[in-house]
Amino acid sequence: MRKTNFKVDIIPILFLTVVVCVSVIALAYVNSITYEKIETAKLDAFKEKLSVHFADMTDFTSNDANDCYIVFTNDDIAGYAVKATGSGYGGTIELLVALEPTNLISTDDLIIRGLSVISHSETPGLGDKITKSSFQNQFMGVAFSGIELSKTGGAIDAISGATISSKGVINGIVSSIEARFDSLVELVSSVEVS
């Protein structure tokens, strides 16, 4: 039977503890340095996506918790935007849906101004065609009630060979806007009162 040597047994444990502590401190430091830069880059990328649909945009306000946005040109409301998520063939599809500045009585009043894909993991050459303007431009000027595939009476033609991706975009827009409509109305009301 081996005699235990306290020094020999404890040194590797202490060494690993020190290495882990130094690594954690280094990672926390790097995170504190880069966090603001990353958040600023994300905000700039989001502003760029918004400005594609609102060329004269001067500012926007949001209800970040519900991913609803009001876009301004000077002090006038230029339109609205909602982040949407859908399930495609390859996973989650994140979208930015730009809306015309209509009366917000019901979702039936909404008209799509434009669509941008924020992120996706669809199949290259097939499902990733959701990022192409030929697909996204179909949504421009479409009333909320018309956001369906053309084969079911809607205004949107599915991407050939990527029907699941096309449906993912459509279902994501419809479900997200329906879920966030009251939050958008509340946000607009709070801005108009101010």
C-alpha atoms as a PDB file:
ATOM      1  CA  MET A   1       0.000   0.000   0.000  1.00  0.00           C
ATOM      2  CA  ARG A   2       1.277   3.404  -0.999  1.00  0.00           C
ATOM      3  CA  LYS A   3       1.917   6.050   1.572  1.00  0.00           C
ATOM      4  CA  THR A   4       0.196   9.307   0.694  1.00  0.00           C
ATOM      5  CA  ASN A   5       2.407  12.289   0.347  1.00  0.00           C
ATOM      6  CA  PHE A   6       0.382  15.400   1.016  1.00  0.00           C
ATOM      7  CA  LYS A   7       2.713  17.654  -1.013  1.00  0.00           C
ATOM      8  CA  VAL A   8       2.682  15.430  -4.070  1.00  0.00           C
ATOM      9  CA  ASP A   9      -1.110  15.025  -3.997  1.00  0.00           C
ATOM     10  CA  ILE A  10      -2.039  18.670  -3.402  1.00  0.00           C
ATOM     11  CA  ILE A  11       0.348  20.438  -5.827  1.00  0.00           C
ATOM     12  CA  PRO A  12      -1.525  19.412  -9.032  1.00  0.00           C
ATOM     13  CA  ILE A  13      -4.829  20.460  -7.461  1.00  0.00           C
ATOM     14  CA  LEU A  14      -3.454  23.858  -6.457  1.00  0.00           C
ATOM     15  CA  PHE A  15      -1.847  24.330  -9.869  1.00  0.00           C
ATOM     16  CA  LEU A  16      -5.110  23.598 -11.708  1.00  0.00           C
ATOM     17  CA  THR A  17      -7.043  25.867  -9.329  1.00  0.00           C
ATOM     18  CA  VAL A  18      -4.661  28.746 -10.058  1.00  0.00           C
ATOM     19  CA  VAL A  19      -4.851  28.123 -13.832  1.00  0.00           C
ATOM     20  CA  VAL A  20      -8.664  28.089 -13.740  1.00  0.00           C
ATOM     21  CA  CYS A  21      -8.817  31.279 -11.640  1.00  0.00           C
ATOM     22  CA  VAL A  22      -6.400  33.112 -13.941  1.00  0.00           C
ATOM     23  CA  SER A  23      -8.383  31.947 -16.989  1.00  0.00           C
ATOM     24  CA  VAL A  24     -11.684  33.116 -15.516  1.00  0.00           C
ATOM     25  CA  ILE A  25     -10.227  36.513 -14.638  1.00  0.00           C
ATOM     26  CA  ALA A  26      -8.714  36.863 -18.125  1.00  0.00           C
ATOM     27  CA  LEU A  27     -12.009  35.949 -19.821  1.00  0.00           C
ATOM     28  CA  ALA A  28     -13.962  38.354 -17.607  1.00  0.00           C
ATOM     29  CA  TYR A  29     -11.510  41.130 -18.449  1.00  0.00           C
ATOM     30  CA  VAL A  30     -11.689  40.480 -22.197  1.00  0.00           C
ATOM     31  CA  ASN A  31     -15.498  40.370 -21.984  1.00  0.00           C
ATOM     32  CA  SER A  32     -15.601  43.707 -20.148  1.00  0.00           C
ATOM     33  CA  ILE A  33     -13.409  45.296 -22.826  1.00  0.00           C
ATOM     34  CA  THR A  34     -15.290  43.900 -25.825  1.00  0.00           C
ATOM     35  CA  TYR A  35     -18.904  43.865 -24.575  1.00  0.00           C
ATOM     36  CA  GLU A  36     -19.665  47.494 -25.421  1.00  0.00           C
ATOM     37  CA  LYS A  37     -17.971  47.222 -28.813  1.00  0.00           C
ATOM     38  CA  ILE A  38     -19.985  44.116 -29.667  1.00  0.00           C
ATOM     39  CA  GLU A  39     -23.258  45.729 -28.556  1.00  0.00           C
ATOM     40  CA  THR A  40     -22.438  48.880 -30.555  1.00  0.00           C
ATOM     41  CA  ALA A  41     -21.682  46.772 -33.633  1.00  0.00           C
ATOM     42  CA  LYS A  42     -24.996  44.917 -33.212  1.00  0.00           C
ATOM     43  CA  LEU A  43     -26.873  48.213 -32.912  1.00  0.00           C
ATOM     44  CA  ASP A  44     -25.121  49.617 -35.992  1.00  0.00           C
ATOM     45  CA  ALA A  45     -25.986  46.484 -37.981  1.00  0.00           C
ATOM     46  CA  PHE A  46     -29.603  46.755 -36.854  1.00  0.00           C
ATOM     47  CA  LYS A  47     -29.755  50.454 -37.818  1.00  0.00           C
ATOM     48  CA  GLU A  48     -28.374  49.514 -41.223  1.00  0.00           C
ATOM     49  CA  LYS A  49     -31.134  46.902 -41.671  1.00  0.00           C
ATOM     50  CA  LEU A  50     -33.747  49.502 -40.683  1.00  0.00           C
ATOM     51  CA  SER A  51     -32.316  52.141 -43.011  1.00  0.00           C
ATOM     52  CA  VAL A  52     -32.714  49.766 -45.974  1.00  0.00           C
ATOM     53  CA  HIS A  53     -36.480  50.080 -45.525  1.00  0.00           C
ATOM     54  CA  PHE A  54     -36.569  53.621 -44.123  1.00  0.00           C
ATOM     55  CA  ALA A  55     -34.044  55.615 -46.165  1.00  0.00           C
ATOM     56  CA  ASP A  56     -34.899  58.931 -44.474  1.00  0.00           C
ATOM     57  CA  MET A  57     -34.748  57.471 -40.956  1.00  0.00           C
ATOM     58  CA  THR A  58     -33.402  59.903 -38.380  1.00  0.00           C
ATOM     59  CA  ASP A  59     -34.128  57.910 -35.226  1.00  0.00           C
ATOM     60  CA  PHE A  60     -36.017  54.965 -33.795  1.00  0.00           C
ATOM     61  CA  THR A  61     -37.394  53.940 -30.451  1.00  0.00           C
ATOM     62  CA  SER A  62     -38.096  50.474 -29.226  1.00  0.00           C
ATOM     63  CA  ASN A  63     -39.693  48.200 -26.760  1.00  0.00           C
ATOM     64  CA  ASP A  64     -36.723  45.831 -26.675  1.00  0.00           C
ATOM     65  CA  ALA A  65     -38.532  43.289 -24.534  1.00  0.00           C
ATOM     66  CA  ASN A  66     -41.054  42.722 -27.328  1.00  0.00           C
ATOM     67  CA  ASP A  67     -38.870  43.544 -30.350  1.00  0.00           C
ATOM     68  CA  CYS A  68     -41.166  46.335 -31.567  1.00  0.00           C
ATOM     69  CA  TYR A  69     -39.786  49.533 -33.104  1.00  0.00           C
ATOM     70  CA  ILE A  70     -41.073  52.895 -34.257  1.00  0.00           C
ATOM     71  CA  VAL A  71     -38.994  54.579 -36.943  1.00  0.00           C
ATOM     72  CA  PHE A  72     -38.907  58.365 -37.224  1.00  0.00           C
ATOM     73  CA  THR A  73     -38.062  60.830 -39.954  1.00  0.00           C
ATOM     74  CA  ASN A  74     -37.373  63.973 -37.974  1.00  0.00           C
ATOM     75  CA  ASP A  75     -40.290  63.973 -35.503  1.00  0.00           C
ATOM     76  CA  ASP A  76     -42.761  62.150 -37.742  1.00  0.00           C
ATOM     77  CA  ILE A  77     -43.460  58.432 -37.586  1.00  0.00           C
ATOM     78  CA  ALA A  78     -42.073  56.913 -40.784  1.00  0.00           C
ATOM     79  CA  GLY A  79     -43.205  53.387 -39.978  1.00  0.00           C
ATOM     80  CA  TYR A  80     -42.871  50.450 -37.661  1.00  0.00           C
ATOM     81  CA  ALA A  81     -40.679  47.385 -37.469  1.00  0.00           C
ATOM     82  CA  VAL A  82     -40.996  44.074 -35.693  1.00  0.00           C
ATOM     83  CA  LYS A  83     -38.419  41.345 -35.209  1.00  0.00           C
ATOM     84  CA  ALA A  84     -39.852  37.982 -36.161  1.00  0.00           C
ATOM     85  CA  THR A  85     -38.671  34.410 -35.826  1.00  0.00           C
ATOM     86  CA  GLY A  86     -39.759  31.376 -37.771  1.00  0.00           C
ATOM     87  CA  SER A  87     -38.692  27.768 -38.102  1.00  0.00           C
ATOM     88  CA  GLY A  88     -37.101  26.843 -41.390  1.00  0.00           C
ATOM     89  CA  TYR A  89     -35.648  23.602 -42.686  1.00  0.00           C
ATOM     90  CA  GLY A  90     -32.243  24.330 -41.133  1.00  0.00           C
ATOM     91  CA  GLY A  91     -33.391  25.918 -37.876  1.00  0.00           C
ATOM     92  CA  THR A  92     -34.490  29.319 -36.651  1.00  0.00           C
ATOM     93  CA  ILE A  93     -34.904  32.186 -39.112  1.00  0.00           C
ATOM     94  CA  GLU A  94     -34.634  35.692 -37.622  1.00  0.00           C
ATOM     95  CA  LEU A  95     -36.345  38.460 -39.583  1.00  0.00           C
ATOM     96  CA  LEU A  96     -36.903  42.190 -39.493  1.00  0.00           C
ATOM     97  CA  VAL A  97     -40.334  43.133 -40.831  1.00  0.00           C
ATOM     98  CA  ALA A  98     -40.797  46.793 -41.789  1.00  0.00           C
ATOM     99  CA  LEU A  99     -44.375  48.082 -41.734  1.00  0.00           C
ATOM    100  CA  GLU A 100     -46.051  51.126 -43.255  1.00  0.00           C
ATOM    101  CA  PRO A 101     -47.276  53.790 -40.794  1.00  0.00           C
ATOM    102  CA  THR A 102     -50.947  52.796 -40.851  1.00  0.00           C
ATOM    103  CA  ASN A 103     -53.675  53.018 -38.236  1.00  0.00           C
ATOM    104  CA  LEU A 104     -53.078  50.319 -35.685  1.00  0.00           C
ATOM    105  CA  ILE A 105     -56.643  49.184 -35.109  1.00  0.00           C
ATOM    106  CA  SER A 106     -56.069  45.541 -36.018  1.00  0.00           C
ATOM    107  CA  THR A 107     -53.449  43.440 -37.761  1.00  0.00           C
ATOM    108  CA  ASP A 108     -55.628  43.675 -40.898  1.00  0.00           C
ATOM    109  CA  ASP A 109     -54.519  47.320 -41.201  1.00  0.00           C
ATOM    110  CA  LEU A 110     -50.845  46.407 -41.475  1.00  0.00           C
ATOM    111  CA  ILE A 111     -49.016  46.660 -44.783  1.00  0.00           C
ATOM    112  CA  ILE A 112     -45.538  45.223 -45.232  1.00  0.00           C
ATOM    113  CA  ARG A 113     -42.968  47.795 -46.281  1.00  0.00           C
ATOM    114  CA  GLY A 114     -40.055  45.407 -46.492  1.00  0.00           C
ATOM    115  CA  LEU A 115     -38.361  42.333 -45.132  1.00  0.00           C
ATOM    116  CA  SER A 116     -34.784  41.568 -44.102  1.00  0.00           C
ATOM    117  CA  VAL A 117     -33.302  38.304 -42.919  1.00  0.00           C
ATOM    118  CA  ILE A 118     -31.184  38.908 -39.824  1.00  0.00           C
ATOM    119  CA  SER A 119     -29.906  35.349 -39.483  1.00  0.00           C
ATOM    120  CA  HIS A 120     -30.651  31.827 -40.687  1.00  0.00           C
ATOM    121  CA  SER A 121     -29.100  28.412 -41.128  1.00  0.00           C
ATOM    122  CA  GLU A 122     -30.944  27.293 -44.244  1.00  0.00           C
ATOM    123  CA  THR A 123     -29.433  25.037 -46.899  1.00  0.00           C
ATOM    124  CA  PRO A 124     -27.020  26.903 -49.205  1.00  0.00           C
ATOM    125  CA  GLY A 125     -28.380  27.140 -52.735  1.00  0.00           C
ATOM    126  CA  LEU A 126     -31.953  26.322 -51.703  1.00  0.00           C
ATOM    127  CA  GLY A 127     -33.369  27.654 -48.444  1.00  0.00           C
ATOM    128  CA  ASP A 128     -30.849  30.470 -48.273  1.00  0.00           C
ATOM    129  CA  LYS A 129     -32.696  32.065 -51.197  1.00  0.00           C
ATOM    130  CA  ILE A 130     -34.877  33.658 -48.509  1.00  0.00           C
ATOM    131  CA  THR A 131     -32.114  36.281 -48.382  1.00  0.00           C
ATOM    132  CA  LYS A 132     -32.508  37.145 -52.076  1.00  0.00           C
ATOM    133  CA  SER A 133     -34.379  40.292 -53.066  1.00  0.00           C
ATOM    134  CA  SER A 134     -36.478  38.274 -55.541  1.00  0.00           C
ATOM    135  CA  PHE A 135     -38.086  36.502 -52.574  1.00  0.00           C
ATOM    136  CA  GLN A 136     -38.129  39.400 -50.101  1.00  0.00           C
ATOM    137  CA  ASN A 137     -39.557  41.943 -52.561  1.00  0.00           C
ATOM    138  CA  GLN A 138     -42.741  39.865 -52.861  1.00  0.00           C
ATOM    139  CA  PHE A 139     -43.715  41.059 -49.388  1.00  0.00           C
ATOM    140  CA  MET A 140     -43.522  44.786 -50.218  1.00  0.00           C
ATOM    141  CA  GLY A 141     -46.966  46.385 -50.213  1.00  0.00           C
ATOM    142  CA  VAL A 142     -48.709  43.182 -49.157  1.00  0.00           C
ATOM    143  CA  ALA A 143     -51.461  43.511 -46.562  1.00  0.00           C
ATOM    144  CA  PHE A 144     -51.054  41.355 -43.482  1.00  0.00           C
ATOM    145  CA  SER A 145     -54.013  39.221 -44.553  1.00  0.00           C
ATOM    146  CA  GLY A 146     -52.221  38.378 -47.829  1.00  0.00           C
ATOM    147  CA  ILE A 147     -49.133  36.897 -46.221  1.00  0.00           C
ATOM    148  CA  GLU A 148     -49.681  33.338 -47.371  1.00  0.00           C
ATOM    149  CA  LEU A 149     -48.255  31.169 -50.088  1.00  0.00           C
ATOM    150  CA  SER A 150     -49.872  31.779 -53.474  1.00  0.00           C
ATOM    151  CA  LYS A 151     -50.938  28.132 -53.717  1.00  0.00           C
ATOM    152  CA  THR A 152     -53.200  28.729 -50.686  1.00  0.00           C
ATOM    153  CA  GLY A 153     -54.562  32.052 -51.949  1.00  0.00           C
ATOM    154  CA  GLY A 154     -51.864  34.406 -50.684  1.00  0.00           C
ATOM    155  CA  ALA A 155     -49.491  36.792 -52.408  1.00  0.00           C
ATOM    156  CA  ILE A 156     -46.173  34.999 -51.824  1.00  0.00           C
ATOM    157  CA  ASP A 157     -44.596  32.481 -54.204  1.00  0.00           C
ATOM    158  CA  ALA A 158     -42.594  29.771 -52.434  1.00  0.00           C
ATOM    159  CA  ILE A 159     -38.976  29.200 -53.352  1.00  0.00           C
ATOM    160  CA  SER A 160     -38.810  26.142 -55.597  1.00  0.00           C
ATOM    161  CA  GLY A 161     -37.288  23.290 -53.606  1.00  0.00           C
ATOM    162  CA  ALA A 162     -37.419  25.271 -50.371  1.00  0.00           C
ATOM    163  CA  THR A 163     -41.075  25.345 -49.410  1.00  0.00           C
ATOM    164  CA  ILE A 164     -40.263  24.703 -45.748  1.00  0.00           C
ATOM    165  CA  SER A 165     -37.989  27.763 -45.656  1.00  0.00           C
ATOM    166  CA  SER A 166     -40.638  29.876 -47.414  1.00  0.00           C
ATOM    167  CA  LYS A 167     -43.310  28.714 -44.973  1.00  0.00           C
ATOM    168  CA  GLY A 168     -40.921  29.372 -42.092  1.00  0.00           C
ATOM    169  CA  VAL A 169     -40.599  33.011 -43.149  1.00  0.00           C
ATOM    170  CA  ILE A 170     -44.351  33.418 -43.630  1.00  0.00           C
ATOM    171  CA  ASN A 171     -45.299  31.660 -40.395  1.00  0.00           C
ATOM    172  CA  GLY A 172     -42.636  33.628 -38.525  1.00  0.00           C
ATOM    173  CA  ILE A 173     -43.983  36.946 -39.791  1.00  0.00           C
ATOM    174  CA  VAL A 174     -47.609  36.086 -39.065  1.00  0.00           C
ATOM    175  CA  SER A 175     -47.086  34.569 -35.615  1.00  0.00           C
ATOM    176  CA  SER A 176     -44.621  37.235 -34.467  1.00  0.00           C
ATOM    177  CA  ILE A 177     -46.764  40.161 -35.577  1.00  0.00           C
ATOM    178  CA  GLU A 178     -49.871  38.621 -34.018  1.00  0.00           C
ATOM    179  CA  ALA A 179     -47.972  38.055 -30.763  1.00  0.00           C
ATOM    180  CA  ARG A 180     -46.444  41.551 -30.709  1.00  0.00           C
ATOM    181  CA  PHE A 181     -49.288  43.647 -32.122  1.00  0.00           C
ATOM    182  CA  ASP A 182     -50.597  44.824 -28.728  1.00  0.00           C
ATOM    183  CA  SER A 183     -47.055  45.746 -27.651  1.00  0.00           C
ATOM    184  CA  LEU A 184     -46.598  47.741 -30.858  1.00  0.00           C
ATOM    185  CA  VAL A 185     -49.890  49.596 -30.279  1.00  0.00           C
ATOM    186  CA  GLU A 186     -48.830  50.308 -26.693  1.00  0.00           C
ATOM    187  CA  LEU A 187     -45.439  51.602 -27.837  1.00  0.00           C
ATOM    188  CA  VAL A 188     -47.003  53.868 -30.469  1.00  0.00           C
ATOM    189  CA  SER A 189     -49.508  55.189 -27.906  1.00  0.00           C
ATOM    190  CA  SER A 190     -46.730  55.998 -25.451  1.00  0.00           C
ATOM    191  CA  VAL A 191     -44.811  57.925 -28.119  1.00  0.00           C
ATOM    192  CA  GLU A 192     -47.853  59.876 -29.321  1.00  0.00           C
ATOM    193  CA  VAL A 193     -48.683  60.906 -25.737  1.00  0.00           C
ATOM    194  CA  SER A 194     -45.149  62.162 -25.068  1.00  0.00           C
END
